[in-house]
Amino acid sequence: MPVLETTNLCIRFGGLTAVSDFNICLEDGELVGLIGPNGAGKTTVFNLLTGVYEPTEGAISFCNEALCSAGKALQPYRITMKGMARTFQNIRLFKELSVIDNVKIAYHQNVKYGLLPAFLHAGPYAAEEKEIEKKAIDFLEIFNLHGKKDEQAKNLPYGEQRRLEIARALATNPKLLLLDEPAAGMNPQETSQLMELIRFIRDKFKLTILLIEHDMALVMGVCERIYVLDYGKIIAHGSPAEIRCDPKVIEAYLGEAV
């Protein structure tokens, strides 16, 4: 059973077709890349998958459950609750909150205490908040951020903000993680460390990962399969070795074999 499957996905904004006949299938545990030139429609695809946009045509199935069809889509928070999480091309942390609070927020979709215990700090509130604190610290240790748990998120270096955003997404306990240009703005050393981190979290958390990225060294080094998007359509699909030598991909995006 595929974790994610799209069928003839399409979205139009007025007279502009941003994504057309987008068909993708991800199996459990895969690490798959989605690449293409700027403006090809990659982030639009992520917005369709996560309910930010409603498709004009087509359908999305997640773990054998329909998420959306033409003109209808679940709200993003409901899609997150079903097990799909994402990061963003432009980092979207709660910058004024502490590092640990950014992670703790991801757990609160599953809290069992109600409004009154939360207001009074009574009943199950204390025990559940203590457990959330422990889980958040465990995540920060994995991402080597536990020493900065009380700092404001905005004060972290850029690479650490990227790691925090991934940690927050993982704290929602997803089955599928969507990473939108996680290496953007990173130096070569940070990118190399990110490559190892992506492999590690896929294996440790038994995730399926779909990755948008312009850094071809990272994509070719970490992804098992790659889809190539150009003008909103998939023009190629295959292993990194196949994509690297595909004439259509070279002409549209890579420029030369890499």
Protein backbone atom coordinates (compact mmCIF):
# COMPACT_ATOMS: atom_id res chain seq x y z
CA MET A 1 0.00 0.00 0.00
CA PRO A 2 1.54 3.34 -1.03
CA VAL A 3 2.03 5.95 1.68
CA LEU A 4 1.21 8.72 -0.80
CA GLU A 5 -0.35 8.58 -4.24
CA THR A 6 -1.59 11.41 -6.44
CA THR A 7 -3.79 10.98 -9.49
CA ASN A 8 -3.74 13.56 -12.31
CA LEU A 9 -3.30 16.40 -9.81
CA CYS A 10 -3.85 19.83 -11.31
CA ILE A 11 -4.26 23.38 -10.05
CA ARG A 12 -5.05 26.53 -11.99
CA PHE A 13 -4.84 30.13 -10.81
CA GLY A 14 -7.09 32.02 -13.21
CA GLY A 15 -5.74 31.23 -16.65
CA LEU A 16 -2.41 29.90 -15.34
CA THR A 17 -1.97 26.15 -14.92
CA ALA A 18 0.65 25.85 -12.17
CA VAL A 19 0.62 22.05 -11.85
CA SER A 20 -0.81 19.61 -14.40
CA ASP A 21 -1.26 15.81 -14.48
CA PHE A 22 0.98 15.34 -11.46
CA ASN A 23 1.20 11.63 -10.64
CA ILE A 24 3.49 10.39 -7.90
CA CYS A 25 3.62 7.26 -5.75
CA LEU A 26 5.70 6.90 -2.57
CA GLU A 27 6.17 3.58 -0.83
CA ASP A 28 6.76 3.11 2.89
CA GLY A 29 10.28 4.10 3.96
CA GLU A 30 11.36 5.69 0.68
CA LEU A 31 13.48 8.82 0.40
CA VAL A 32 12.41 10.58 -2.79
CA GLY A 33 13.45 13.87 -4.37
CA LEU A 34 11.41 16.43 -6.32
CA ILE A 35 13.58 18.77 -8.37
CA GLY A 36 13.14 21.33 -11.12
CA PRO A 37 13.91 24.92 -12.12
CA ASN A 38 12.66 27.90 -10.11
CA GLY A 39 8.96 28.37 -10.80
CA ALA A 40 8.45 24.75 -11.89
CA GLY A 41 5.68 24.26 -9.31
CA LYS A 42 7.49 22.26 -6.60
CA THR A 43 6.29 24.23 -3.58
CA THR A 44 2.83 24.43 -5.14
CA VAL A 45 2.82 20.62 -5.10
CA PHE A 46 3.69 20.66 -1.38
CA ASN A 47 0.88 23.16 -0.78
CA LEU A 48 -1.54 20.84 -2.56
CA LEU A 49 -0.40 17.80 -0.58
CA THR A 50 -0.75 19.60 2.76
CA GLY A 51 -4.13 21.25 2.13
CA VAL A 52 -2.91 24.83 1.71
CA TYR A 53 -4.34 24.75 -1.84
CA GLU A 54 -7.35 22.83 -3.14
CA PRO A 55 -6.74 21.04 -6.44
CA THR A 56 -8.66 22.07 -9.53
CA GLU A 57 -8.57 18.47 -10.72
CA GLY A 58 -7.25 15.13 -9.50
CA ALA A 59 -6.98 13.44 -6.12
CA ILE A 60 -4.55 12.69 -3.30
CA SER A 61 -4.50 9.45 -1.32
CA PHE A 62 -2.52 9.16 1.93
CA CYS A 63 -2.16 5.74 3.58
CA ASN A 64 -5.11 4.54 1.47
CA GLU A 65 -7.35 7.41 2.63
CA ALA A 66 -8.59 10.15 0.31
CA LEU A 67 -7.22 13.53 1.45
CA CYS A 68 -8.71 15.65 -1.28
CA SER A 69 -10.27 15.75 -4.70
CA ALA A 70 -11.14 18.52 -7.13
CA GLY A 71 -12.36 21.55 -5.22
CA LYS A 72 -12.27 19.81 -1.84
CA ALA A 73 -9.43 19.37 0.64
CA LEU A 74 -8.91 18.71 4.31
CA GLN A 75 -7.61 21.63 6.34
CA PRO A 76 -3.82 21.62 6.87
CA TYR A 77 -4.04 20.89 10.61
CA ARG A 78 -6.21 17.84 9.94
CA ILE A 79 -3.71 16.55 7.40
CA THR A 80 -0.96 17.01 10.00
CA MET A 81 -3.00 15.04 12.52
CA LYS A 82 -3.31 12.19 10.00
CA GLY A 83 0.47 11.94 9.79
CA MET A 84 1.87 14.31 7.16
CA ALA A 85 4.28 17.04 8.29
CA ARG A 86 6.34 19.59 6.41
CA THR A 87 9.01 22.25 6.63
CA PHE A 88 9.04 25.43 4.56
CA GLN A 89 11.34 27.00 2.00
CA ASN A 90 11.39 30.13 4.16
CA ILE A 91 11.82 29.08 7.79
CA ARG A 92 8.58 29.48 9.75
CA LEU A 93 9.46 29.13 13.39
CA PHE A 94 7.73 30.87 16.30
CA LYS A 95 10.70 33.20 16.50
CA GLU A 96 9.81 34.90 19.78
CA LEU A 97 9.28 31.59 21.60
CA SER A 98 12.01 29.45 23.10
CA VAL A 99 13.58 26.58 21.22
CA ILE A 100 11.86 24.00 23.43
CA ASP A 101 8.47 25.73 23.17
CA ASN A 102 8.69 25.49 19.37
CA VAL A 103 8.91 21.71 19.72
CA LYS A 104 6.36 21.41 22.53
CA ILE A 105 3.73 23.16 20.40
CA ALA A 106 3.82 20.22 17.97
CA TYR A 107 2.68 17.84 20.72
CA HIS A 108 -0.38 19.80 21.78
CA GLN A 109 -2.56 18.51 18.96
CA ASN A 110 -2.72 15.25 20.94
CA VAL A 111 -3.17 16.47 24.53
CA LYS A 112 -6.00 14.84 26.43
CA TYR A 113 -6.67 17.46 29.10
CA GLY A 114 -9.37 20.06 28.43
CA LEU A 115 -9.55 23.82 28.66
CA LEU A 116 -10.42 24.00 32.37
CA PRO A 117 -7.47 21.85 33.60
CA ALA A 118 -5.18 23.90 31.32
CA PHE A 119 -6.50 27.16 32.78
CA LEU A 120 -6.27 25.96 36.39
CA HIS A 121 -3.08 23.90 35.91
CA ALA A 122 -5.00 21.10 37.61
CA GLY A 123 -5.89 17.44 37.13
CA PRO A 124 -4.03 15.70 34.25
CA TYR A 125 -2.42 18.95 33.10
CA ALA A 126 0.80 18.70 35.13
CA ALA A 127 1.53 15.06 34.32
CA GLU A 128 0.88 15.49 30.61
CA GLU A 129 2.92 18.68 30.35
CA LYS A 130 5.82 16.97 32.14
CA GLU A 131 5.72 14.15 29.59
CA ILE A 132 5.63 16.66 26.70
CA GLU A 133 8.64 18.48 28.18
CA LYS A 134 10.59 15.21 28.36
CA LYS A 135 9.73 14.26 24.77
CA ALA A 136 10.70 17.73 23.52
CA ILE A 137 14.09 17.54 25.26
CA ASP A 138 14.68 14.10 23.75
CA PHE A 139 14.07 15.56 20.28
CA LEU A 140 16.39 18.50 20.94
CA GLU A 141 19.13 16.09 22.01
CA ILE A 142 18.79 14.20 18.72
CA PHE A 143 19.26 17.47 16.83
CA ASN A 144 22.02 18.70 19.18
CA LEU A 145 19.92 21.67 20.30
CA HIS A 146 19.24 20.73 23.94
CA GLY A 147 21.93 23.12 25.17
CA LYS A 148 19.95 26.01 23.66
CA LYS A 149 16.46 24.93 24.71
CA ASP A 150 15.70 28.19 26.55
CA GLU A 151 17.00 30.55 23.85
CA GLN A 152 14.59 32.39 21.59
CA ALA A 153 14.36 30.64 18.24
CA LYS A 154 15.24 33.84 16.38
CA ASN A 155 18.66 33.91 18.05
CA LEU A 156 19.80 30.56 16.66
CA PRO A 157 22.23 30.48 13.72
CA TYR A 158 20.56 29.77 10.39
CA GLY A 159 21.55 26.11 10.21
CA GLU A 160 20.25 25.46 13.71
CA GLN A 161 16.95 27.14 12.86
CA ARG A 162 16.62 24.69 9.96
CA ARG A 163 17.26 21.76 12.32
CA LEU A 164 14.74 23.10 14.81
CA GLU A 165 12.08 23.33 12.11
CA ILE A 166 12.70 19.69 11.18
CA ALA A 167 12.57 18.69 14.87
CA ARG A 168 9.22 20.48 15.28
CA ALA A 169 7.81 18.69 12.22
CA LEU A 170 8.98 15.31 13.53
CA ALA A 171 7.39 15.98 16.92
CA THR A 172 3.97 15.69 15.24
CA ASN A 173 4.80 11.97 14.78
CA PRO A 174 4.40 11.88 10.99
CA LYS A 175 4.40 8.94 8.61
CA LEU A 176 5.43 11.23 5.75
CA LEU A 177 7.82 14.18 6.07
CA LEU A 178 7.95 16.85 3.35
CA LEU A 179 11.16 18.90 3.32
CA ASP A 180 11.06 22.08 1.22
CA GLU A 181 14.64 23.11 0.37
CA PRO A 182 16.15 22.19 3.76
CA ALA A 183 19.67 23.07 2.59
CA ALA A 184 18.75 26.58 1.42
CA GLY A 185 21.21 29.09 2.86
CA MET A 186 23.54 26.45 4.29
CA ASN A 187 27.28 26.27 3.69
CA PRO A 188 28.86 23.05 2.29
CA GLN A 189 29.71 21.67 5.73
CA GLU A 190 26.17 22.25 7.01
CA THR A 191 24.76 20.66 3.86
CA SER A 192 26.92 17.57 4.34
CA GLN A 193 25.75 17.27 7.95
CA LEU A 194 22.14 17.73 6.79
CA MET A 195 22.51 14.85 4.33
CA GLU A 196 23.54 12.54 7.15
CA LEU A 197 20.73 13.88 9.35
CA ILE A 198 18.08 13.18 6.69
CA ARG A 199 19.26 9.59 6.35
CA PHE A 200 19.36 9.23 10.14
CA ILE A 201 15.83 10.51 10.78
CA ARG A 202 14.40 8.37 7.96
CA ASP A 203 15.88 5.26 9.53
CA LYS A 204 15.32 6.15 13.20
CA PHE A 205 11.72 7.27 12.83
CA LYS A 206 10.85 4.84 10.01
CA LEU A 207 9.58 7.64 7.81
CA THR A 208 8.86 8.22 4.19
CA ILE A 209 10.49 11.48 3.04
CA LEU A 210 9.75 13.66 0.01
CA LEU A 211 12.42 16.30 -0.51
CA ILE A 212 12.53 19.47 -2.63
CA GLU A 213 16.08 20.70 -3.10
CA HIS A 214 18.27 22.68 -5.51
CA ASP A 215 21.55 21.35 -4.11
CA MET A 216 22.20 18.52 -6.56
CA ALA A 217 25.00 17.00 -4.49
CA LEU A 218 22.52 16.52 -1.64
CA VAL A 219 19.73 15.22 -3.89
CA MET A 220 21.95 12.78 -5.76
CA GLY A 221 23.64 11.69 -2.55
CA VAL A 222 20.59 11.00 -0.41
CA CYS A 223 17.56 10.27 -2.63
CA GLU A 224 16.71 6.80 -3.92
CA ARG A 225 14.32 8.04 -6.62
CA ILE A 226 13.83 11.47 -8.15
CA TYR A 227 10.92 13.15 -9.92
CA VAL A 228 11.71 16.13 -12.15
CA LEU A 229 9.15 18.90 -12.59
CA ASP A 230 9.20 21.54 -15.32
CA TYR A 231 6.38 24.02 -16.02
CA GLY A 232 4.17 22.10 -13.60
CA LYS A 233 4.57 18.71 -15.32
CA ILE A 234 6.72 15.70 -14.51
CA ILE A 235 9.24 15.32 -17.32
CA ALA A 236 11.33 12.51 -15.85
CA HIS A 237 11.39 9.96 -13.02
CA GLY A 238 14.04 7.47 -12.00
CA SER A 239 17.14 6.73 -9.97
CA PRO A 240 19.77 9.46 -9.44
CA ALA A 241 21.95 7.80 -12.10
CA GLU A 242 19.09 7.82 -14.62
CA ILE A 243 18.11 11.42 -13.87
CA ARG A 244 21.70 12.63 -14.10
CA CYS A 245 21.92 11.44 -17.71
CA ASP A 246 18.37 12.14 -18.91
CA PRO A 247 18.52 14.53 -21.92
CA LYS A 248 15.21 16.23 -21.02
CA VAL A 249 16.43 16.91 -17.49
CA ILE A 250 19.78 18.20 -18.68
CA GLU A 251 18.09 20.58 -21.10
CA ALA A 252 15.45 21.82 -18.63
CA TYR A 253 17.44 21.99 -15.43
CA LEU A 254 20.87 20.52 -14.91
CA GLY A 255 22.58 22.10 -17.91
CA GLU A 256 25.11 19.31 -18.07
CA ALA A 257 25.58 15.84 -16.58
CA VAL A 258 26.47 16.04 -12.87
